[in-house]
Protein backbone atom coordinates (compact mmCIF):
# COMPACT_ATOMS: atom_id res chain seq x y z
CA UNK A 1 38.33 123.23 57.48
CA UNK A 2 35.97 125.04 55.12
CA UNK A 3 34.86 128.58 55.69
CA UNK A 4 31.28 127.49 56.30
CA UNK A 5 32.37 125.12 59.07
CA UNK A 6 33.27 127.82 61.58
CA UNK A 7 31.30 130.63 63.21
CA UNK A 8 32.83 133.68 64.89
CA UNK A 9 31.47 135.71 67.78
CA UNK A 10 33.18 139.10 67.89
CA UNK A 11 32.70 141.15 71.06
CA UNK A 12 33.58 144.81 70.61
CA UNK A 13 34.00 145.51 74.30
CA UNK A 14 34.47 148.80 76.08
CA UNK A 15 38.25 148.70 75.60
CA UNK A 16 38.99 145.26 74.17
CA UNK A 17 38.17 143.15 71.14
CA UNK A 18 37.38 139.52 71.94
CA UNK A 19 36.72 136.74 69.46
CA UNK A 20 35.67 133.11 69.80
CA UNK A 21 35.53 130.73 66.84
CA UNK A 22 33.44 127.59 67.03
CA UNK A 23 31.55 124.99 65.07
CA UNK A 24 28.23 123.23 65.72
CA UNK A 25 28.51 119.68 66.96
CA UNK A 26 26.96 117.09 64.63
CA UNK A 27 24.14 116.33 67.05
CA UNK A 28 22.06 118.84 68.98
CA UNK A 29 22.50 122.59 69.37
CA UNK A 30 25.76 122.62 71.31
CA UNK A 31 28.60 124.75 69.97
CA UNK A 32 32.18 123.56 70.29
CA UNK A 33 34.73 126.34 70.80
CA UNK A 34 37.80 125.79 68.64
CA UNK A 35 39.83 128.91 69.41
CA UNK A 36 39.73 132.43 70.72
CA UNK A 37 41.63 135.57 71.59
CA UNK A 38 41.15 138.83 73.48
CA UNK A 39 43.29 141.89 72.74
CA UNK A 40 43.26 145.43 74.15
CA UNK A 41 42.12 148.11 71.73
CA UNK A 42 42.93 151.80 72.08
CA UNK A 43 40.63 152.50 69.15
CA UNK A 44 37.55 151.75 71.27
CA UNK A 45 36.52 153.86 74.25
CA UNK A 46 33.50 152.72 76.23
CA UNK A 47 32.30 150.55 73.34
CA UNK A 48 32.50 153.42 70.84
CA UNK A 49 35.04 153.50 68.00
CA UNK A 50 37.31 156.53 68.33
CA UNK A 51 39.98 155.33 65.88
CA UNK A 52 38.94 153.12 62.98
CA UNK A 53 42.50 152.14 62.01
CA UNK A 54 43.45 150.93 65.51
CA UNK A 55 40.11 149.13 65.86
CA UNK A 56 40.64 147.43 62.49
CA UNK A 57 44.09 146.27 63.64
CA UNK A 58 42.69 144.89 66.90
CA UNK A 59 39.96 143.01 65.00
CA UNK A 60 42.58 141.51 62.68
CA UNK A 61 44.67 140.41 65.65
CA UNK A 62 41.78 138.92 67.65
CA UNK A 63 40.11 137.10 64.77
CA UNK A 64 43.45 136.06 63.28
CA UNK A 65 44.61 134.48 66.54
CA UNK A 66 41.25 132.74 66.98
CA UNK A 67 41.39 131.42 63.41
CA UNK A 68 44.92 130.11 63.92
CA UNK A 69 43.87 128.26 67.07
CA UNK A 70 40.75 126.87 65.37
CA UNK A 71 42.45 125.85 62.16
CA UNK A 72 39.66 127.41 60.13
CA UNK A 73 38.89 130.56 58.18
CA UNK A 74 36.29 133.11 59.22
CA UNK A 75 34.44 135.11 56.58
CA UNK A 76 31.64 136.63 58.65
CA UNK A 77 31.14 137.47 62.32
CA UNK A 78 28.26 137.88 64.74
CA UNK A 79 29.09 141.28 66.17
CA UNK A 80 28.36 142.24 69.78
CA UNK A 81 28.18 145.94 70.65
CA UNK A 82 27.91 147.86 73.92
CA UNK A 83 28.33 151.39 75.26
CA UNK A 84 26.30 154.31 76.51
CA UNK A 85 25.11 155.18 72.99
CA UNK A 86 22.75 152.20 73.41
CA UNK A 87 19.46 153.11 75.05
CA UNK A 88 16.46 150.96 75.86
CA UNK A 89 12.89 151.25 77.07
CA UNK A 90 9.63 149.31 77.23
CA UNK A 91 6.61 149.92 75.02
CA UNK A 92 3.14 148.54 74.35
CA UNK A 93 1.38 147.66 71.11
CA UNK A 94 -2.12 146.52 70.15
CA UNK A 95 -3.69 145.06 67.01
CA UNK A 96 -7.37 144.45 66.34
CA UNK A 97 -8.28 141.24 64.53
CA UNK A 98 -10.97 142.48 62.15
CA UNK A 99 -11.41 139.21 60.21
CA UNK A 100 -14.34 136.89 60.70
CA UNK A 101 -11.77 134.20 61.34
CA UNK A 102 -10.29 135.27 64.68
CA UNK A 103 -7.43 132.76 64.70
CA UNK A 104 -4.13 134.52 65.40
CA UNK A 105 -1.52 134.08 62.67
CA UNK A 106 2.20 134.81 62.50
CA UNK A 107 1.32 137.86 60.38
CA UNK A 108 -0.85 139.17 63.22
CA UNK A 109 2.07 138.78 65.61
CA UNK A 110 4.28 140.69 63.20
CA UNK A 111 1.66 143.42 62.99
CA UNK A 112 1.29 143.88 66.74
CA UNK A 113 5.07 143.96 67.21
CA UNK A 114 5.33 146.48 64.37
CA UNK A 115 2.78 148.67 66.15
CA UNK A 116 4.77 148.41 69.38
CA UNK A 117 7.97 149.55 67.70
CA UNK A 118 6.33 152.39 65.77
CA UNK A 119 7.96 155.09 67.88
CA UNK A 120 9.43 158.49 66.97
CA UNK A 121 13.23 158.40 66.72
CA UNK A 122 15.70 161.12 65.86
CA UNK A 123 17.44 160.76 62.51
CA UNK A 124 20.72 159.71 64.12
CA UNK A 125 19.23 156.70 65.98
CA UNK A 126 17.80 153.36 64.95
CA UNK A 127 16.14 150.34 66.54
CA UNK A 128 18.53 147.46 67.08
CA UNK A 129 16.26 144.94 68.84
CA UNK A 130 12.63 144.46 69.75
CA UNK A 131 12.14 141.83 72.45
CA UNK A 132 8.53 140.73 73.04
CA UNK A 133 8.10 140.36 76.79
CA UNK A 134 4.53 139.05 76.95
CA UNK A 135 1.38 138.89 74.87
CA UNK A 136 -2.22 139.53 75.88
CA UNK A 137 -5.28 138.22 74.07
CA UNK A 138 -8.62 139.93 74.74
CA UNK A 139 -7.08 141.49 77.88
CA UNK A 140 -5.92 138.09 79.15
CA UNK A 141 -2.26 138.52 80.06
CA UNK A 142 0.46 135.92 80.18
CA UNK A 143 0.02 134.37 76.72
CA UNK A 144 3.47 133.06 75.71
CA UNK A 145 2.61 132.31 72.08
CA UNK A 146 -0.70 133.53 70.67
CA UNK A 147 -0.36 131.89 67.23
CA UNK A 148 -3.25 129.47 66.66
CA UNK A 149 -5.42 130.92 69.43
CA UNK A 150 -8.58 132.94 68.79
CA UNK A 151 -9.28 136.49 69.89
CA UNK A 152 -10.28 139.96 68.76
CA UNK A 153 -7.57 142.09 70.41
CA UNK A 154 -3.90 141.11 70.42
CA UNK A 155 -1.51 143.14 72.60
CA UNK A 156 2.20 142.91 73.32
CA UNK A 157 4.69 144.46 75.72
CA UNK A 158 8.16 144.84 74.24
CA UNK A 159 11.67 145.87 75.24
CA UNK A 160 13.24 148.08 72.58
CA UNK A 161 16.98 148.67 72.23
CA UNK A 162 18.10 151.65 70.15
CA UNK A 163 21.58 152.65 69.03
CA UNK A 164 23.45 155.53 67.47
CA UNK A 165 23.55 154.96 63.71
CA UNK A 166 26.92 156.69 63.41
CA UNK A 167 28.52 154.52 66.10
CA UNK A 168 27.15 151.34 64.51
CA UNK A 169 28.44 152.42 61.11
CA UNK A 170 31.90 153.15 62.51
CA UNK A 171 32.26 149.80 64.25
CA UNK A 172 31.02 147.93 61.18
CA UNK A 173 33.36 149.90 58.94
CA UNK A 174 36.30 148.87 61.14
CA UNK A 175 35.26 145.21 60.95
CA UNK A 176 34.82 145.41 57.17
CA UNK A 177 38.21 147.03 56.69
CA UNK A 178 39.68 144.12 58.64
CA UNK A 179 38.20 141.87 55.95
CA UNK A 180 35.13 140.39 57.63
CA UNK A 181 31.43 140.57 56.91
CA UNK A 182 29.04 141.38 59.74
CA UNK A 183 26.28 138.77 59.71
CA UNK A 184 24.32 140.25 62.58
CA UNK A 185 24.66 143.12 65.07
CA UNK A 186 23.66 142.10 68.59
CA UNK A 187 23.51 144.01 71.86
CA UNK A 188 26.16 142.19 73.88
CA UNK A 189 24.14 142.22 77.10
CA UNK A 190 21.29 140.28 75.46
CA UNK A 191 23.72 137.68 74.13
CA UNK A 192 25.37 137.35 77.54
CA UNK A 193 22.04 137.20 79.36
CA UNK A 194 20.65 134.45 77.15
CA UNK A 195 23.84 132.50 77.74
CA UNK A 196 24.24 132.95 81.50
CA UNK A 197 20.81 133.61 83.07
CA UNK A 198 18.93 130.38 83.70
CA UNK A 199 15.22 129.99 82.82
CA UNK A 200 14.44 129.87 86.55
CA UNK A 201 16.32 133.11 87.20
CA UNK A 202 14.49 134.76 84.31
CA UNK A 203 11.14 133.71 85.74
CA UNK A 204 11.80 134.55 89.39
CA UNK A 205 13.70 137.77 88.72
CA UNK A 206 17.43 138.48 88.62
CA UNK A 207 20.05 141.07 87.72
CA UNK A 208 23.00 140.53 85.39
CA UNK A 209 25.97 142.89 85.64
CA UNK A 210 28.60 142.73 82.90
CA UNK A 211 31.61 144.65 84.26
CA UNK A 212 33.70 145.75 81.30
CA UNK A 213 36.80 147.87 81.27
CA UNK A 214 35.17 151.23 80.58
CA UNK A 215 31.47 150.47 80.81
CA UNK A 216 29.02 148.45 82.85
CA UNK A 217 26.01 146.68 81.32
CA UNK A 218 22.98 145.98 83.52
CA UNK A 219 20.01 143.78 82.71
CA UNK A 220 16.94 142.89 84.76
CA UNK A 221 15.09 139.67 83.94
CA UNK A 222 11.65 138.91 85.33
CA UNK A 223 8.62 136.84 84.29
CA UNK A 224 10.71 135.10 81.65
CA UNK A 225 12.06 138.10 79.75
CA UNK A 226 14.37 141.10 79.92
CA UNK A 227 12.55 144.01 81.56
CA UNK A 228 15.30 146.59 81.86
CA UNK A 229 18.74 147.22 80.39
CA UNK A 230 21.19 150.04 80.89
CA UNK A 231 24.73 150.99 79.88
CA UNK A 232 26.72 152.91 82.51
CA UNK A 233 30.01 154.65 81.75
CA UNK A 234 32.16 153.15 84.50
CA UNK A 235 34.16 149.93 84.67
CA UNK A 236 37.18 148.07 85.98
CA UNK A 237 39.66 150.26 84.08
CA UNK A 238 38.75 153.00 86.54
CA UNK A 239 40.24 150.82 89.28
CA UNK A 240 43.38 150.36 87.20
CA UNK A 241 43.73 154.12 86.73
CA UNK A 242 43.29 154.70 90.48
CA UNK A 243 46.14 152.27 91.13
CA UNK A 244 48.34 153.86 88.47
CA UNK A 245 47.82 157.32 89.99
CA UNK A 246 48.10 156.18 93.61
CA UNK A 247 51.24 154.10 93.05
CA UNK A 248 52.76 156.44 90.45
CA UNK A 249 53.17 153.60 88.02
CA UNK A 250 52.13 152.81 84.45
CA UNK A 251 48.67 151.59 83.47
CA UNK A 252 50.16 148.27 82.35
CA UNK A 253 51.87 147.70 85.70
CA UNK A 254 48.73 148.77 87.56
CA UNK A 255 46.66 146.29 85.56
CA UNK A 256 49.06 143.46 86.34
CA UNK A 257 49.03 144.36 90.05
CA UNK A 258 45.23 144.50 90.06
CA UNK A 259 44.89 141.07 88.45
CA UNK A 260 47.60 139.35 90.53
CA UNK A 261 47.12 140.98 93.93
CA UNK A 262 43.97 143.12 93.89
CA UNK A 263 41.33 142.57 96.56
CA UNK A 264 37.87 144.13 96.54
CA UNK A 265 36.83 143.06 100.05
CA UNK A 266 38.61 143.31 103.39
CA UNK A 267 37.56 139.80 104.47
CA UNK A 268 40.05 138.32 102.00
CA UNK A 269 43.13 139.82 103.65
CA UNK A 270 45.27 136.88 104.75
CA UNK A 271 48.65 138.24 105.76
CA UNK A 272 49.97 141.53 104.47
CA UNK A 273 52.68 140.76 101.97
CA UNK A 274 54.96 143.30 100.33
CA UNK A 275 54.40 143.61 96.59
CA UNK A 276 57.25 144.87 94.43
CA UNK A 277 56.62 146.96 91.32
CA UNK A 278 58.26 149.48 89.02
CA UNK A 279 57.37 153.16 89.13
CA UNK A 280 56.19 155.00 86.03
CA UNK A 281 59.78 155.58 84.85
CA UNK A 282 60.18 151.81 84.47
CA UNK A 283 63.39 151.74 86.54
CA UNK A 284 62.64 152.81 90.10
CA UNK A 285 61.51 149.88 92.25
CA UNK A 286 58.92 150.41 94.95
CA UNK A 287 56.84 148.25 97.29
CA UNK A 288 53.33 148.33 98.66
CA UNK A 289 51.47 146.13 101.11
CA UNK A 290 48.37 144.21 100.07
CA UNK A 291 46.23 146.11 102.57
CA UNK A 292 47.45 149.49 101.29
CA UNK A 293 46.66 148.55 97.71
CA UNK A 294 43.22 147.40 98.79
CA UNK A 295 42.56 150.84 100.29
CA UNK A 296 43.04 152.31 96.81
CA UNK A 297 40.76 149.74 95.20
CA UNK A 298 37.85 149.71 97.67
CA UNK A 299 36.50 153.25 97.14
CA UNK A 300 36.12 152.69 93.38
CA UNK A 301 34.52 149.26 93.85
CA UNK A 302 32.07 150.78 96.32
CA UNK A 303 31.31 153.58 93.87
CA UNK A 304 30.61 151.11 91.05
CA UNK A 305 28.13 149.05 93.03
CA UNK A 306 26.56 152.11 94.63
CA UNK A 307 25.84 153.41 91.12
CA UNK A 308 24.33 150.02 90.25
CA UNK A 309 22.15 150.07 93.39
CA UNK A 310 20.94 153.63 92.72
CA UNK A 311 20.20 152.89 89.07
CA UNK A 312 18.31 149.73 90.00
CA UNK A 313 16.27 151.64 92.57
CA UNK A 314 15.45 154.40 90.09
CA UNK A 315 14.40 151.85 87.48
CA UNK A 316 11.51 150.61 89.69
CA UNK A 317 12.69 147.01 89.16
CA UNK A 318 14.67 146.68 92.41
CA UNK A 319 12.03 144.49 94.09
CA UNK A 320 11.98 142.05 91.17
CA UNK A 321 15.60 140.89 91.27
CA UNK A 322 15.95 139.62 94.84
CA UNK A 323 14.91 135.98 94.20
CA UNK A 324 17.53 135.28 91.53
CA UNK A 325 20.21 137.62 92.89
CA UNK A 326 22.96 139.14 90.75
CA UNK A 327 24.94 137.32 88.07
CA UNK A 328 28.40 138.86 87.64
CA UNK A 329 30.33 138.59 84.40
CA UNK A 330 32.84 140.47 82.28
CA UNK A 331 36.56 140.87 82.93
CA UNK A 332 35.92 143.03 85.99
CA UNK A 333 34.14 140.12 87.70
CA UNK A 334 37.45 138.25 88.01
CA UNK A 335 38.84 140.45 90.79
CA UNK A 336 38.88 138.65 94.11
CA UNK A 337 36.27 140.03 96.46
CA UNK A 338 33.95 141.44 93.78
CA UNK A 339 31.19 138.98 94.70
CA UNK A 340 31.48 139.86 98.38
CA UNK A 341 31.38 143.59 97.59
CA UNK A 342 28.32 143.13 95.38
CA UNK A 343 26.56 141.21 98.13
CA UNK A 344 27.30 143.88 100.76
CA UNK A 345 26.27 146.89 98.69
CA UNK A 346 23.43 145.49 96.57
CA UNK A 347 22.01 143.19 99.22
CA UNK A 348 21.68 140.43 96.60
CA UNK A 349 23.00 136.89 96.47
CA UNK A 350 25.86 136.96 93.92
CA UNK A 351 27.20 134.30 91.60
CA UNK A 352 29.74 134.25 88.81
CA UNK A 353 28.08 133.70 85.44
CA UNK A 354 29.22 130.50 83.72
CA UNK A 355 27.96 129.11 80.42
CA UNK A 356 25.86 125.96 80.54
CA UNK A 357 27.65 122.84 79.19
CA UNK A 358 24.50 121.86 77.29
CA UNK A 359 25.04 124.87 75.04
CA UNK A 360 28.82 125.14 74.76
CA UNK A 361 31.78 122.75 74.90
CA UNK A 362 35.49 123.54 74.91
CA UNK A 363 38.57 124.12 77.03
CA UNK A 364 38.06 125.56 80.49
CA UNK A 365 39.88 128.80 79.63
CA UNK A 366 37.09 129.85 77.24
CA UNK A 367 34.57 129.77 80.11
CA UNK A 368 36.18 132.83 81.70
CA UNK A 369 33.90 135.88 82.14
CA UNK A 370 36.23 137.67 79.69
CA UNK A 371 34.76 135.53 76.90
CA UNK A 372 31.14 135.46 78.13
CA UNK A 373 29.73 137.84 75.51
CA UNK A 374 31.64 136.25 72.63
CA UNK A 375 30.36 132.87 73.80
CA UNK A 376 26.81 134.23 73.90
CA UNK A 377 27.22 135.42 70.32
CA UNK A 378 28.30 131.92 69.26
CA UNK A 379 25.29 130.41 71.01
CA UNK A 380 23.06 132.92 69.23
CA UNK A 381 24.52 131.92 65.89
CA UNK A 382 23.95 128.21 66.49
CA UNK A 383 20.79 127.85 68.55
CA UNK A 384 17.23 128.39 67.42
CA UNK A 385 16.32 128.72 71.11
CA UNK A 386 18.39 131.87 71.60
CA UNK A 387 16.25 134.81 72.50
CA UNK A 388 12.90 133.20 71.81
CA UNK A 389 10.75 135.95 70.40
CA UNK A 390 13.64 138.36 69.86
CA UNK A 391 13.18 140.37 66.71
CA UNK A 392 16.27 141.98 65.28
CA UNK A 393 15.25 145.08 63.37
CA UNK A 394 18.46 146.54 61.99
CA UNK A 395 17.52 148.27 58.71
CA UNK A 396 19.46 148.02 55.48
CA UNK A 397 22.49 150.30 55.24
CA UNK A 398 24.38 151.70 52.28
CA UNK A 399 28.06 151.00 51.91
CA UNK A 400 30.43 148.22 50.98
CA UNK A 401 30.80 147.08 54.56
CA UNK A 402 27.08 146.48 55.14
CA UNK A 403 24.65 143.72 54.38
CA UNK A 404 20.91 143.75 54.91
CA UNK A 405 19.76 142.59 58.35
CA UNK A 406 16.08 141.87 58.67
CA UNK A 407 13.84 141.06 61.63
CA UNK A 408 12.91 137.43 62.13
CA UNK A 409 9.81 135.96 63.71
CA UNK A 410 10.33 132.20 63.35
CA UNK A 411 10.92 131.76 67.07
CA UNK A 412 7.34 132.84 67.73
CA UNK A 413 5.92 129.99 65.67
């Protein structure tokens, strides 16, 4: 298989590196997943590179395993980033049409979006995305695509995502040292949201919660677009650490116990079996009952969703998400009882986010929440419908590991 036949989505998670390799099907916009891998990475903490060499090694392992499964060679990757260094906010822009001909052109749309993103930023930050939420023409709101219409005043509301330049450079340097070119940098939450949130949920209002190992990504969709996004420095690895401390065992053993026997809601207790495990010395054998382990897990799960509820309330978007409920994804969403806990604490109808078969095809194992962001990155790479109106505005960078990334406006035409 030629290099150009395969596309790679590389998710630099909060403590893992996950890669999916796929190829477009001959007909339509569906992507077929050919292979994938997810490996832990001690070089990443909360989505931020803290050790370039270890991150490089993890990238080599994840992409190499995905390539081997796919039978193809990857040269470039669509890179998904996350972490609390990402910050977002909404802004407004306006542009007067001074021409005698008042017909709105694509250049006018570019100009009004440019005005909306003309914001003061510190020297260590840069704009990663500008997402047009809605246009107004002569004060008339709710114009989805103003091109071809006539008016004197064009306005736009946008969602802007900014990132730390240093953190972006470090993660791209690690990928480049692993031997791969970054074709596009994408905020992982946007890729996941476009993949998992249905058009109806975007219109009515919904919340997506991507529960990573060391960070939690929140996104609010309403009136057809993302209205709020936030990175919170807590995740499912906190539950693992609580178990490791409470049971006096290793993090690896605690993780295995959490995955195999962990419960996040008391309603799921069915019997109270004894679970055998090794203490931290690796030799001493101990036992714990399911109910006792759950008592260690529950306080942290309650803390996570309480933080989500408080953040949502403070964002002023709490009333907008009730119709569509909460879509749960990420590796942390796999714990039994997470949906029930989210329902109790958030007061929202939960569901597990699953990719739509019209966009992606492949083995069932790739549809796990662990691969949701990487799958969203593949969909982005293949589909012209991804993120309609999303303008990527990553500026050119100096260095052997960089290539120029420019904003695109074709989706507005």
